[in-house]
Amino acid sequence: MRRSRTLPIALLAGTILPLAAQPAHAAPAPVDPAQHRQMLDIWKKMISIPTVHGRGQTRAMATYVADLLKQGGFAAEDIVIEGEGDDISLAARYRGTGKGKPLLLSGHMDVVEARPSDWTRDPFTPVEENGFVYGRGSLDMKFGDAVLVSTLLKLKAEGFKPSRDILLLLSGDEETAMATTARLAERYGGDAELLLNADGGGGMLDDQGKPVAFYVQGGEKTYADIEISVTDPGGHSSRPGATNAIATLAQAIDRIAAYKFPAQVNEITRAYFKATGKQVGGTIGAAMLRFADNPDDAAAIATLRAEPEYVGITGTTCVPTMLSGGHALNALPQKATVSVNCRIFPGVPIESVRDTLAKVIDNPKATVTILDHPLGSDASPLRPDLMKAVRKGIDQSFPGLPIVPQMAAGATDSLYFRAKGVPSYGVLGMFLNPADDFSHGLNERAPVASIDPALRLMRTLIVDLSK
């Protein structure tokens, strides 16, 4: 579930990662041409399997991955495919010496629907053209899946012996209910050291195709829908009384729209604002720096929250998104309901957001209910071992490229593992111009040129973090 990169592109990371980068003239580390070709082939094959919920093809992809791993030397008993229908998950264990807790590698096999009649090309027939591979899932997230599988096969062929087990965990319904994610987190998240997620983070290219920053996703806001309802006896519209469900709800909506949750920062967002503020400059840049130093700075908060790109990074937000009420044109409404979508800052209890909305509305006639069972988690710490490995892996392709922590506004599979106490990080080595991000959209595509940087980074991360 990749997110659009709409954040500033001129970023500074020297204060975040003190590790010295390689000289700017250093040549990229070589990637075995055979592995490049293998990864491209795996990527295209995965795209050709239409793992849309309801089509029953997720098991086919899991079987394809399992067969690749078995051919590459994984023992059959170390590969587990389970589930029914499209709720299929795969777990494969690369056995180490057992000296450390397992390293988890996360991805998802499912993709969102794509109607061939809407596309220029058939969405499930991968096409390589003009430096891109086109097809549903080319970006979200079969590129990342192929990187994980290809890297593990390469390490296995080389006889690499990690000190800890490495577990490849592929969910089957990340784009929908995340039931397989929850199952994987319950089964494998209890004793893990950390998780690397190929469905988050990534590099940004400018309009000339030059890399300008690499993002490490270390936190995600919690998604929650809260329903507010008002009921009333109703009656004939010719006999209006003192109460009206729609009018009462309208007052509640006005109060919600006017309310601003307190501003917050954590380690990730503070580092982000400090890094970006120095380069963005001007009024916004100055506000970033002031906010990073003092999250109670009212003027800085007002400046950042006036910008759609930054409002979500400053704290919890709740906005009305759907409205319904009444049952007849000539009748007083018996019920009126509004759905409020909340994106909750990491570490904030969902129940406290519900209680805050109830206080803001301040009307005993309004019922405030959390829909479904949203899951929240704290942001992951910026571990020195992880950041050192990221620096090393990025420098093999783009020496000295700024590396910046990132908090995502939406959720990935990492959410469930963070909730289990597993530090989780989005570290996909995909480099993309924001204008080319068509994930979930028409004519989805991803650049072939990202294959080698992604393989270099993932290999470095796996090797250095599993020693």
Protein backbone atom coordinates (compact mmCIF):
# COMPACT_ATOMS: atom_id res chain seq x y z
CA MET A 1 0.00 0.00 0.00
CA ARG A 2 2.43 2.60 -1.18
CA ARG A 3 1.77 6.28 -0.52
CA SER A 4 2.35 9.20 -2.87
CA ARG A 5 5.53 11.08 -2.20
CA THR A 6 4.19 14.63 -1.93
CA LEU A 7 6.78 15.85 0.56
CA PRO A 8 9.59 18.32 -0.21
CA ILE A 9 12.46 16.93 -2.24
CA ALA A 10 15.33 19.16 -1.12
CA LEU A 11 16.34 17.43 2.10
CA LEU A 12 19.34 17.28 4.41
CA ALA A 13 20.34 14.21 6.41
CA GLY A 14 23.79 14.99 7.75
CA THR A 15 22.52 15.69 11.24
CA ILE A 16 20.44 12.51 11.18
CA LEU A 17 23.06 10.07 9.95
CA PRO A 18 26.55 11.08 11.09
CA LEU A 19 28.13 8.09 9.34
CA ALA A 20 30.43 9.35 6.60
CA ALA A 21 29.21 8.69 3.08
CA GLN A 22 31.38 7.39 0.28
CA PRO A 23 33.02 9.95 -2.01
CA ALA A 24 30.64 11.42 -4.54
CA HIS A 25 32.68 9.94 -7.40
CA ALA A 26 32.45 6.35 -6.14
CA ALA A 27 31.11 3.96 -8.76
CA PRO A 28 27.97 1.97 -7.88
CA ALA A 29 28.57 -1.50 -6.49
CA PRO A 30 28.07 -4.07 -9.24
CA VAL A 31 24.94 -6.21 -9.43
CA ASP A 32 25.20 -9.63 -11.00
CA PRO A 33 23.55 -9.28 -14.45
CA ALA A 34 22.04 -12.73 -13.97
CA GLN A 35 20.38 -11.62 -10.74
CA HIS A 36 19.08 -8.45 -12.43
CA ARG A 37 17.49 -10.59 -15.14
CA GLN A 38 16.16 -13.07 -12.58
CA MET A 39 14.54 -10.32 -10.54
CA LEU A 40 12.97 -8.79 -13.64
CA ASP A 41 11.56 -12.17 -14.65
CA ILE A 42 10.17 -12.83 -11.16
CA TRP A 43 8.64 -9.36 -11.08
CA LYS A 44 6.88 -9.84 -14.39
CA LYS A 45 5.66 -13.31 -13.49
CA MET A 46 4.17 -12.00 -10.25
CA ILE A 47 2.36 -9.21 -12.12
CA SER A 48 0.84 -11.78 -14.47
CA ILE A 49 -0.88 -13.51 -11.53
CA PRO A 50 -4.08 -11.47 -10.87
CA THR A 51 -4.06 -11.53 -7.09
CA VAL A 52 -7.15 -9.34 -6.78
CA HIS A 53 -9.39 -10.21 -3.86
CA GLY A 54 -12.16 -12.49 -5.08
CA ARG A 55 -10.31 -14.02 -8.03
CA GLY A 56 -8.79 -16.90 -6.08
CA GLN A 57 -5.27 -16.40 -7.44
CA THR A 58 -3.36 -15.53 -4.28
CA ARG A 59 -2.53 -19.17 -3.62
CA ALA A 60 -1.10 -19.42 -7.13
CA MET A 61 1.37 -16.65 -6.35
CA ALA A 62 2.25 -18.17 -2.99
CA THR A 63 2.89 -21.50 -4.71
CA TYR A 64 5.04 -19.78 -7.34
CA VAL A 65 7.19 -18.16 -4.63
CA ALA A 66 7.40 -21.42 -2.68
CA ASP A 67 8.57 -23.30 -5.78
CA LEU A 68 11.25 -20.69 -6.45
CA LEU A 69 12.52 -20.97 -2.89
CA LYS A 70 12.56 -24.77 -2.96
CA GLN A 71 14.50 -24.73 -6.23
CA GLY A 72 16.91 -22.29 -4.60
CA GLY A 73 17.68 -24.57 -1.67
CA PHE A 74 15.00 -23.87 0.93
CA ALA A 75 13.74 -26.96 2.69
CA ALA A 76 10.09 -27.76 2.00
CA GLU A 77 9.36 -27.91 5.74
CA ASP A 78 10.61 -24.33 6.12
CA ILE A 79 7.91 -22.97 3.80
CA VAL A 80 4.34 -22.66 5.05
CA ILE A 81 1.36 -21.65 2.91
CA GLU A 82 -1.92 -21.41 4.78
CA GLY A 83 -5.39 -19.96 4.55
CA GLU A 84 -8.46 -20.25 2.37
CA GLY A 85 -9.78 -18.40 -0.65
CA ASP A 86 -7.73 -15.26 -1.14
CA ASP A 87 -6.76 -15.00 2.50
CA ILE A 88 -3.50 -16.83 1.86
CA SER A 89 -0.19 -16.18 3.55
CA LEU A 90 3.30 -17.51 3.00
CA ALA A 91 6.08 -17.82 5.57
CA ALA A 92 9.54 -19.05 4.56
CA ARG A 93 12.44 -19.52 6.98
CA TYR A 94 16.07 -18.97 5.99
CA ARG A 95 17.76 -20.78 8.85
CA GLY A 96 20.62 -19.15 10.74
CA THR A 97 22.80 -20.27 13.62
CA GLY A 98 20.19 -19.24 16.17
CA LYS A 99 22.39 -16.72 17.98
CA GLY A 100 19.93 -13.90 17.58
CA LYS A 101 16.21 -13.25 17.34
CA PRO A 102 14.69 -13.55 13.85
CA LEU A 103 14.83 -10.85 11.21
CA LEU A 104 11.46 -10.47 9.46
CA LEU A 105 10.96 -9.45 5.82
CA SER A 106 7.47 -8.24 4.98
CA GLY A 107 5.47 -7.92 1.78
CA HIS A 108 1.97 -8.56 0.46
CA MET A 109 0.84 -10.57 -2.54
CA ASP A 110 -2.56 -8.99 -3.23
CA VAL A 111 -3.30 -6.03 -5.47
CA VAL A 112 -6.30 -3.76 -5.99
CA GLU A 113 -8.76 -4.39 -8.81
CA ALA A 114 -7.98 -3.26 -12.36
CA ARG A 115 -10.51 -3.31 -15.19
CA PRO A 116 -8.87 -4.07 -18.55
CA SER A 117 -11.36 -1.83 -20.36
CA ASP A 118 -10.01 1.17 -18.47
CA TRP A 119 -6.33 0.49 -19.14
CA THR A 120 -4.20 1.24 -22.19
CA ARG A 121 -2.65 -2.21 -21.77
CA ASP A 122 -3.99 -5.38 -20.17
CA PRO A 123 -3.24 -4.84 -16.47
CA PHE A 124 -2.13 -8.42 -15.90
CA THR A 125 0.10 -8.77 -18.95
CA PRO A 126 3.36 -7.11 -17.90
CA VAL A 127 4.85 -4.89 -20.59
CA GLU A 128 8.36 -3.43 -20.51
CA GLU A 129 8.37 -0.14 -22.36
CA ASN A 130 10.34 3.14 -22.21
CA GLY A 131 12.23 2.04 -19.11
CA PHE A 132 9.13 1.01 -17.15
CA VAL A 133 7.31 -2.23 -16.42
CA TYR A 134 3.56 -1.67 -16.75
CA GLY A 135 0.94 -3.76 -14.97
CA ARG A 136 -1.24 -3.90 -11.89
CA GLY A 137 1.02 -4.40 -8.89
CA SER A 138 4.18 -3.36 -10.74
CA LEU A 139 4.63 -0.75 -8.03
CA ASP A 140 2.31 -1.85 -5.23
CA MET A 141 3.92 -4.14 -4.44
CA LYS A 142 5.25 -6.92 -6.62
CA PHE A 143 8.47 -5.06 -7.28
CA GLY A 144 9.19 -5.26 -3.55
CA ASP A 145 8.16 -8.92 -3.40
CA ALA A 146 10.52 -9.74 -6.25
CA VAL A 147 13.37 -7.87 -4.55
CA LEU A 148 12.89 -9.89 -1.37
CA VAL A 149 12.69 -13.24 -3.15
CA SER A 150 15.59 -12.55 -5.51
CA THR A 151 17.84 -11.36 -2.66
CA LEU A 152 17.15 -14.44 -0.57
CA LEU A 153 17.81 -16.74 -3.54
CA LYS A 154 21.12 -15.00 -4.22
CA LEU A 155 22.25 -15.26 -0.62
CA LYS A 156 21.25 -18.91 -0.50
CA ALA A 157 23.22 -19.65 -3.67
CA GLU A 158 26.28 -17.97 -2.15
CA GLY A 159 26.04 -20.04 1.02
CA PHE A 160 25.43 -17.07 3.31
CA LYS A 161 25.03 -18.16 6.95
CA PRO A 162 23.23 -15.59 9.10
CA SER A 163 23.47 -15.66 12.88
CA ARG A 164 19.71 -15.27 13.15
CA ASP A 165 16.83 -16.84 11.21
CA ILE A 166 15.43 -14.73 8.39
CA LEU A 167 11.69 -15.06 7.80
CA LEU A 168 10.00 -13.99 4.59
CA LEU A 169 6.37 -13.16 5.42
CA LEU A 170 3.96 -12.45 2.57
CA SER A 171 0.36 -11.55 3.43
CA GLY A 172 -2.58 -12.06 1.11
CA ASP A 173 -5.11 -9.37 2.01
CA GLU A 174 -3.18 -6.22 2.89
CA GLU A 175 -5.35 -4.21 0.52
CA THR A 176 -8.56 -5.35 2.25
CA ALA A 177 -9.09 -6.84 5.72
CA MET A 178 -5.46 -7.56 6.72
CA ALA A 179 -6.56 -10.81 8.38
CA THR A 180 -3.51 -12.65 7.07
CA THR A 181 -1.31 -9.83 8.33
CA ALA A 182 -2.76 -10.19 11.80
CA ARG A 183 -2.18 -13.95 11.65
CA LEU A 184 1.45 -13.55 10.60
CA ALA A 185 2.11 -10.95 13.27
CA GLU A 186 0.55 -13.16 15.94
CA ARG A 187 2.60 -16.16 14.89
CA TYR A 188 5.98 -14.62 14.14
CA GLY A 189 6.03 -11.23 15.86
CA GLY A 190 6.48 -12.44 19.41
CA ASP A 191 10.25 -12.89 19.40
CA ALA A 192 11.48 -10.97 16.36
CA GLU A 193 14.38 -8.52 16.43
CA LEU A 194 12.99 -6.19 13.76
CA LEU A 195 11.06 -6.13 10.49
CA LEU A 196 12.05 -4.77 7.08
CA ASN A 197 9.02 -3.92 4.97
CA ALA A 198 9.33 -3.67 1.18
CA ASP A 199 5.99 -1.82 1.12
CA GLY A 200 7.22 1.47 2.53
CA GLY A 201 9.87 4.13 2.31
CA GLY A 202 11.76 4.60 -0.94
CA GLY A 203 13.66 7.16 -2.94
CA MET A 204 12.47 10.30 -4.69
CA LEU A 205 13.59 11.48 -8.12
CA ASP A 206 13.33 15.04 -9.37
CA ASP A 207 11.96 16.00 -12.78
CA GLN A 208 15.34 15.28 -14.37
CA GLY A 209 15.47 11.78 -12.89
CA LYS A 210 18.09 12.68 -10.28
CA PRO A 211 17.77 11.05 -6.83
CA VAL A 212 17.25 13.71 -4.19
CA ALA A 213 16.37 11.79 -1.01
CA PHE A 214 15.71 8.35 0.44
CA TYR A 215 12.94 7.94 3.02
CA VAL A 216 12.95 5.40 5.85
CA GLN A 217 9.41 4.80 7.02
CA GLY A 218 9.45 4.30 10.77
CA GLY A 219 5.89 5.13 11.78
CA GLU A 220 2.31 5.15 10.53
CA LYS A 221 -0.79 6.98 11.64
CA THR A 222 -3.69 4.87 12.77
CA TYR A 223 -6.71 4.80 10.46
CA ALA A 224 -10.04 4.90 12.29
CA ASP A 225 -13.63 5.64 11.28
CA ILE A 226 -15.89 7.04 13.97
CA GLU A 227 -19.66 7.28 13.51
CA ILE A 228 -21.74 9.97 15.17
CA SER A 229 -25.50 9.46 15.24
CA VAL A 230 -28.45 11.46 16.52
CA THR A 231 -31.93 9.92 16.87
CA ASP A 232 -35.30 11.58 17.37
CA PRO A 233 -38.97 10.46 17.48
CA GLY A 234 -39.57 12.28 14.18
CA GLY A 235 -43.08 13.02 12.97
CA HIS A 236 -44.85 14.94 10.22
CA SER A 237 -42.84 17.77 8.65
CA SER A 238 -45.84 20.09 9.02
CA ARG A 239 -45.49 19.83 12.80
CA PRO A 240 -41.87 20.71 13.59
CA GLY A 241 -40.91 20.56 17.24
CA ALA A 242 -38.04 21.77 19.37
CA THR A 243 -35.66 19.01 18.24
CA ASN A 244 -34.50 17.82 14.86
CA ALA A 245 -31.94 15.05 14.35
CA ILE A 246 -30.39 16.64 11.26
CA ALA A 247 -30.13 20.07 12.84
CA THR A 248 -28.58 18.61 15.98
CA LEU A 249 -26.08 16.64 13.93
CA ALA A 250 -25.22 19.72 11.85
CA GLN A 251 -24.21 21.52 15.04
CA ALA A 252 -21.99 18.57 15.97
CA ILE A 253 -20.37 18.59 12.52
CA ASP A 254 -19.61 22.30 12.79
CA ARG A 255 -17.86 21.74 16.11
CA ILE A 256 -15.81 18.85 14.79
CA ALA A 257 -14.76 20.84 11.74
CA ALA A 258 -13.62 23.72 13.92
CA TYR A 259 -11.69 21.59 16.41
CA LYS A 260 -7.93 21.06 16.06
CA PHE A 261 -6.22 18.27 17.95
CA PRO A 262 -3.08 19.24 19.88
CA ALA A 263 0.12 19.26 17.87
CA GLN A 264 2.58 16.44 18.50
CA VAL A 265 6.05 15.31 17.52
CA ASN A 266 7.99 12.10 17.92
CA GLU A 267 11.56 11.13 17.11
CA ILE A 268 10.75 10.57 13.45
CA THR A 269 8.74 13.71 12.76
CA ARG A 270 11.13 15.91 14.76
CA ALA A 271 14.06 14.64 12.69
CA TYR A 272 12.02 15.09 9.51
CA PHE A 273 11.15 18.72 10.25
CA LYS A 274 14.71 19.56 11.28
CA ALA A 275 16.11 18.03 8.11
CA THR A 276 13.62 19.58 5.71
CA GLY A 277 13.27 22.98 7.34
CA LYS A 278 16.89 23.90 6.69
CA GLN A 279 16.51 23.32 2.99
CA VAL A 280 12.93 24.42 2.34
CA GLY A 281 13.63 27.85 3.77
CA GLY A 282 11.21 30.77 3.78
CA THR A 283 8.19 30.97 6.03
CA ILE A 284 7.41 27.25 5.87
CA GLY A 285 11.00 26.19 6.49
CA ALA A 286 11.27 28.49 9.48
CA ALA A 287 7.99 27.11 10.84
CA MET A 288 9.33 23.56 10.50
CA LEU A 289 12.42 24.38 12.52
CA ARG A 290 10.48 26.21 15.22
CA PHE A 291 7.95 23.39 15.45
CA ALA A 292 10.71 20.79 15.76
CA ASP A 293 12.19 22.74 18.68
CA ASN A 294 8.86 23.64 20.27
CA PRO A 295 5.71 21.74 19.25
CA ASP A 296 3.67 24.29 21.24
CA ASP A 297 4.68 27.17 18.95
CA ALA A 298 1.21 28.37 17.89
CA ALA A 299 2.39 30.41 14.92
CA ALA A 300 4.48 27.53 13.54
CA ILE A 301 1.58 25.13 13.97
CA ALA A 302 -0.79 27.46 12.14
CA THR A 303 1.64 27.83 9.23
CA LEU A 304 2.18 24.08 8.84
CA ARG A 305 -1.46 23.17 9.26
CA ALA A 306 -2.43 25.57 6.49
CA GLU A 307 -0.49 23.34 4.09
CA PRO A 308 -2.14 20.00 3.06
CA GLU A 309 1.30 18.37 2.73
CA TYR A 310 2.17 18.96 6.38
CA VAL A 311 -1.03 19.08 8.39
CA GLY A 312 -1.09 15.30 8.76
CA ILE A 313 2.44 15.19 10.15
CA THR A 314 1.69 17.61 12.98
CA GLY A 315 -0.77 15.44 14.90
CA THR A 316 -4.13 13.71 14.82
CA THR A 317 -6.73 14.83 12.30
CA CYS A 318 -10.45 14.01 12.12
CA VAL A 319 -12.69 15.10 9.26
CA PRO A 320 -16.34 14.38 8.35
CA THR A 321 -16.42 12.28 5.16
CA MET A 322 -19.93 10.79 4.74
CA LEU A 323 -23.38 11.99 5.76
CA SER A 324 -26.85 10.45 5.85
CA GLY A 325 -30.15 11.37 7.46
CA GLY A 326 -33.90 11.33 7.21
CA HIS A 327 -36.23 8.84 5.57
CA ALA A 328 -38.79 10.93 3.68
CA LEU A 329 -39.09 14.40 2.21
CA ASN A 330 -42.22 15.15 4.21
CA ALA A 331 -41.18 13.63 7.53
CA LEU A 332 -39.11 14.87 10.45
CA PRO A 333 -35.85 12.87 10.53
CA GLN A 334 -35.70 10.01 12.96
CA LYS A 335 -31.96 9.55 12.54
CA ALA A 336 -28.98 11.43 11.14
CA THR A 337 -25.44 10.05 10.93
CA VAL A 338 -22.02 11.34 9.96
CA SER A 339 -18.87 9.30 9.43
CA VAL A 340 -15.70 10.96 10.67
CA ASN A 341 -12.38 9.68 9.35
CA CYS A 342 -9.49 10.01 11.80
CA ARG A 343 -5.78 9.67 11.13
CA ILE A 344 -4.35 9.26 14.60
CA PHE A 345 -0.82 10.14 15.62
CA PRO A 346 1.28 7.11 16.67
CA GLY A 347 0.89 6.25 20.33
CA VAL A 348 -2.45 8.05 20.80
CA PRO A 349 -5.17 5.66 22.04
CA ILE A 350 -8.10 5.45 19.66
CA GLU A 351 -10.53 5.58 22.57
CA SER A 352 -9.10 8.94 23.64
CA VAL A 353 -9.86 10.36 20.19
CA ARG A 354 -13.44 9.12 20.43
CA ASP A 355 -13.76 10.66 23.90
CA THR A 356 -12.34 13.96 22.64
CA LEU A 357 -14.90 14.10 19.84
CA ALA A 358 -17.68 13.42 22.34
CA LYS A 359 -16.47 16.35 24.47
CA VAL A 360 -16.21 18.60 21.44
CA ILE A 361 -19.78 17.79 20.39
CA ASP A 362 -21.00 18.19 23.99
CA ASN A 363 -24.48 16.86 23.30
CA PRO A 364 -25.87 13.85 25.19
CA LYS A 365 -28.18 13.09 22.26
CA ALA A 366 -25.20 12.23 20.03
CA THR A 367 -23.81 8.70 20.07
CA VAL A 368 -20.10 8.40 19.21
CA THR A 369 -18.98 4.93 18.09
CA ILE A 370 -15.68 3.54 16.81
CA LEU A 371 -16.34 1.42 13.71
CA ASP A 372 -14.58 -1.91 13.16
CA HIS A 373 -11.49 -2.59 15.29
CA PRO A 374 -8.73 -0.18 14.29
CA LEU A 375 -5.22 -0.95 15.47
CA GLY A 376 -2.69 1.62 16.62
CA SER A 377 1.00 1.47 17.44
CA ASP A 378 3.90 3.65 18.49
CA ALA A 379 6.52 4.77 15.98
CA SER A 380 9.65 2.63 15.77
CA PRO A 381 12.91 4.05 17.14
CA LEU A 382 15.60 5.14 14.68
CA ARG A 383 17.93 2.26 15.53
CA PRO A 384 21.59 3.05 14.88
CA ASP A 385 22.22 -0.40 13.37
CA LEU A 386 19.37 0.02 10.91
CA MET A 387 20.29 3.57 9.91
CA LYS A 388 23.95 2.58 9.49
CA ALA A 389 22.95 -0.28 7.20
CA VAL A 390 20.63 1.99 5.19
CA ARG A 391 23.45 4.53 4.79
CA LYS A 392 25.79 1.79 3.59
CA GLY A 393 23.23 0.32 1.20
CA ILE A 394 22.23 3.66 -0.33
CA ASP A 395 25.85 4.77 -0.75
CA GLN A 396 26.46 1.78 -3.01
CA SER A 397 24.16 3.38 -5.58
CA PHE A 398 23.96 7.07 -4.63
CA PRO A 399 26.85 8.15 -2.39
CA GLY A 400 25.90 10.81 0.11
CA LEU A 401 22.21 10.86 -0.81
CA PRO A 402 20.18 12.40 2.05
CA ILE A 403 18.34 9.84 4.17
CA VAL A 404 15.29 11.13 6.00
CA PRO A 405 12.89 9.45 8.46
CA GLN A 406 9.26 9.37 7.38
CA MET A 407 5.92 8.86 9.07
CA ALA A 408 3.25 7.56 6.70
CA ALA A 409 -0.31 8.88 6.80
CA GLY A 410 -1.70 5.42 6.04
CA ALA A 411 -1.17 1.83 7.11
CA THR A 412 0.90 -1.10 5.86
CA ASP A 413 1.50 -4.56 7.31
CA SER A 414 4.10 -2.96 9.62
CA LEU A 415 1.26 -1.67 11.78
CA TYR A 416 0.44 -5.13 13.12
CA PHE A 417 4.04 -5.96 13.91
CA ARG A 418 4.68 -2.64 15.65
CA ALA A 419 1.64 -3.39 17.78
CA LYS A 420 3.46 -6.58 18.82
CA GLY A 421 6.49 -4.56 19.83
CA VAL A 422 8.56 -5.34 16.72
CA PRO A 423 10.50 -2.31 15.39
CA SER A 424 9.38 -2.08 11.76
CA TYR A 425 10.77 -0.04 8.88
CA GLY A 426 9.75 0.64 5.28
CA VAL A 427 12.97 0.44 3.27
CA LEU A 428 12.11 -0.35 -0.34
CA GLY A 429 14.86 0.73 -2.73
CA MET A 430 12.43 1.98 -5.37
CA PHE A 431 13.35 5.40 -6.76
CA LEU A 432 10.44 7.23 -8.31
CA ASN A 433 9.33 10.66 -9.42
CA PRO A 434 6.04 11.49 -7.64
CA ALA A 435 4.46 12.12 -11.05
CA ASP A 436 5.03 8.45 -11.91
CA ASP A 437 3.30 7.06 -8.82
CA PHE A 438 0.22 5.33 -10.25
CA SER A 439 -0.18 2.74 -7.51
CA HIS A 440 -3.87 1.75 -7.25
CA GLY A 441 -4.48 3.77 -10.42
CA LEU A 442 -4.64 3.35 -14.17
CA ASN A 443 -1.61 2.17 -16.12
CA GLU A 444 0.44 1.49 -13.01
CA ARG A 445 4.15 1.31 -13.77
CA ALA A 446 7.56 1.22 -12.10
CA PRO A 447 11.07 1.94 -13.44
CA VAL A 448 13.41 -0.88 -14.40
CA ALA A 449 16.31 1.35 -13.33
CA SER A 450 15.30 0.81 -9.68
CA ILE A 451 16.13 -2.90 -9.80
CA ASP A 452 19.86 -2.60 -9.08
CA PRO A 453 19.62 0.04 -6.32
CA ALA A 454 16.86 -1.99 -4.65
CA LEU A 455 18.88 -5.20 -4.80
CA ARG A 456 22.00 -3.50 -3.43
CA LEU A 457 20.08 -1.97 -0.55
CA MET A 458 18.10 -5.08 0.41
CA ARG A 459 21.19 -7.30 0.29
CA THR A 460 23.09 -4.92 2.55
CA LEU A 461 20.22 -4.63 5.01
CA ILE A 462 19.66 -8.38 5.26
CA VAL A 463 23.34 -9.25 5.56
CA ASP A 464 24.31 -6.54 8.03
CA LEU A 465 21.23 -6.89 10.22
CA SER A 466 21.29 -10.69 10.39
CA LYS A 467 24.90 -11.03 11.53
